[in-house]
């Protein structure tokens, strides 16, 4: 067995994750969590919330993950996607750099500007 098969076998045995609609190979690329995987995922998400959302006064949303390619083409995500962020050294909040610059110069900063 190769490394991928070893990981997949262990994941199956331990109930971590498995391919969605496993019998339909055309749907490969999507994964479901088993009992242990669900618990591990919950712990990772809660850690993320504690460290990144709560400490930075961020907000959390949950949206679609799988979208048509045309959506990403129209939004410019396939050509260039840059969200420059900075963290305040005093309060440790994270801000979009382009938004702070826009607030100061009172002009719109184009996406992807260096």
Protein backbone atom coordinates (compact mmCIF):
# COMPACT_ATOMS: atom_id res chain seq x y z
CA UNK A 1 0.00 0.00 0.00
CA UNK A 2 1.14 3.57 -0.72
CA UNK A 3 1.12 6.43 1.77
CA UNK A 4 -2.28 7.74 0.58
CA UNK A 5 -3.87 4.33 0.96
CA UNK A 6 -2.33 3.94 4.44
CA UNK A 7 -3.78 7.26 5.59
CA UNK A 8 -7.16 6.46 4.06
CA UNK A 9 -7.20 3.02 5.69
CA UNK A 10 -6.35 4.48 9.11
CA UNK A 11 -8.99 7.22 8.67
CA UNK A 12 -11.61 4.58 7.79
CA UNK A 13 -10.66 2.38 10.77
CA UNK A 14 -10.71 5.28 13.22
CA UNK A 15 -13.79 7.03 11.83
CA UNK A 16 -11.95 10.25 11.00
CA UNK A 17 -13.03 10.95 7.42
CA UNK A 18 -14.04 9.18 4.24
CA UNK A 19 -14.90 10.14 0.67
CA UNK A 20 -18.44 11.43 0.20
CA UNK A 21 -20.64 9.22 -1.95
CA UNK A 22 -17.77 6.73 -1.97
CA UNK A 23 -19.49 4.38 -4.42
CA UNK A 24 -19.90 7.18 -6.98
CA UNK A 25 -16.36 7.98 -8.11
CA UNK A 26 -17.55 10.95 -10.17
CA UNK A 27 -18.14 12.82 -6.89
CA UNK A 28 -14.60 12.34 -5.62
CA UNK A 29 -12.91 15.30 -3.99
CA UNK A 30 -15.53 15.77 -1.28
CA UNK A 31 -15.14 14.29 2.18
CA UNK A 32 -17.40 13.47 5.12
CA UNK A 33 -16.33 13.30 8.76
CA UNK A 34 -16.87 10.21 10.90
CA UNK A 35 -17.46 10.38 14.68
CA UNK A 36 -13.84 11.08 15.65
CA UNK A 37 -13.31 13.38 12.69
CA UNK A 38 -16.39 15.41 13.62
CA UNK A 39 -15.08 15.83 17.17
CA UNK A 40 -11.59 16.81 15.94
CA UNK A 41 -13.08 19.31 13.48
CA UNK A 42 -15.19 20.89 16.24
CA UNK A 43 -12.09 21.34 18.41
CA UNK A 44 -10.13 22.93 15.56
CA UNK A 45 -13.01 25.30 14.73
CA UNK A 46 -13.42 26.30 18.39
CA UNK A 47 -9.68 27.00 18.66
CA UNK A 48 -9.89 29.11 15.48
CA UNK A 49 -12.84 31.04 16.90
CA UNK A 50 -11.02 31.67 20.18
CA UNK A 51 -7.75 32.76 18.60
CA UNK A 52 -8.80 34.59 15.45
CA UNK A 53 -12.41 35.67 15.80
CA UNK A 54 -12.82 36.59 19.45
CA UNK A 55 -9.35 38.07 20.03
CA UNK A 56 -9.61 40.29 16.96
CA UNK A 57 -13.28 41.29 17.36
CA UNK A 58 -13.85 39.57 14.05
CA UNK A 59 -17.11 38.28 12.74
CA UNK A 60 -17.86 34.80 11.53
CA UNK A 61 -19.94 33.79 8.56
CA UNK A 62 -20.56 30.44 6.95
CA UNK A 63 -21.13 30.41 3.22
CA UNK A 64 -20.94 28.13 0.23
CA UNK A 65 -17.61 26.47 -0.34
CA UNK A 66 -18.33 24.87 -3.68
CA UNK A 67 -19.36 27.34 -6.37
CA UNK A 68 -19.31 27.38 -10.18
CA UNK A 69 -16.03 28.45 -11.81
CA UNK A 70 -17.78 31.44 -13.42
CA UNK A 71 -18.39 32.87 -9.93
CA UNK A 72 -14.65 32.94 -9.21
CA UNK A 73 -13.86 34.30 -12.67
CA UNK A 74 -16.38 37.14 -12.23
CA UNK A 75 -15.02 38.03 -8.78
CA UNK A 76 -11.42 38.08 -9.99
CA UNK A 77 -10.36 35.32 -7.60
CA UNK A 78 -8.76 33.26 -10.36
CA UNK A 79 -6.64 36.11 -11.77
CA UNK A 80 -5.60 37.80 -8.57
CA UNK A 81 -6.81 37.63 -5.01
CA UNK A 82 -5.07 39.72 -2.40
CA UNK A 83 -6.41 40.83 0.96
CA UNK A 84 -3.44 42.59 2.55
CA UNK A 85 -3.78 42.49 6.32
CA UNK A 86 -1.86 44.06 9.18
CA UNK A 87 -2.00 43.60 12.93
CA UNK A 88 -1.91 46.45 15.43
CA UNK A 89 1.06 46.04 17.75
CA UNK A 90 -0.86 47.59 20.67
CA UNK A 91 -4.33 46.01 20.58
CA UNK A 92 -3.42 43.03 18.32
CA UNK A 93 -6.52 43.54 16.17
CA UNK A 94 -6.19 42.58 12.53
CA UNK A 95 -7.19 45.05 9.82
CA UNK A 96 -7.26 45.09 6.03
CA UNK A 97 -4.41 47.39 5.04
CA UNK A 98 -6.26 48.73 2.01
CA UNK A 99 -9.24 49.74 4.18
CA UNK A 100 -7.01 51.69 6.56
CA UNK A 101 -5.32 53.47 3.66
CA UNK A 102 -8.74 54.30 2.15
CA UNK A 103 -9.84 55.77 5.49
CA UNK A 104 -6.79 58.05 5.57
CA UNK A 105 -6.60 59.18 1.92
CA UNK A 106 -10.39 59.21 1.39
CA UNK A 107 -10.04 57.37 -1.93
CA UNK A 108 -10.80 53.85 -3.11
CA UNK A 109 -7.71 51.61 -3.30
CA UNK A 110 -7.89 49.28 -6.34
CA UNK A 111 -7.73 45.53 -5.67
CA UNK A 112 -4.27 44.03 -6.11
CA UNK A 113 -2.45 47.35 -5.71
CA UNK A 114 1.02 46.77 -4.29
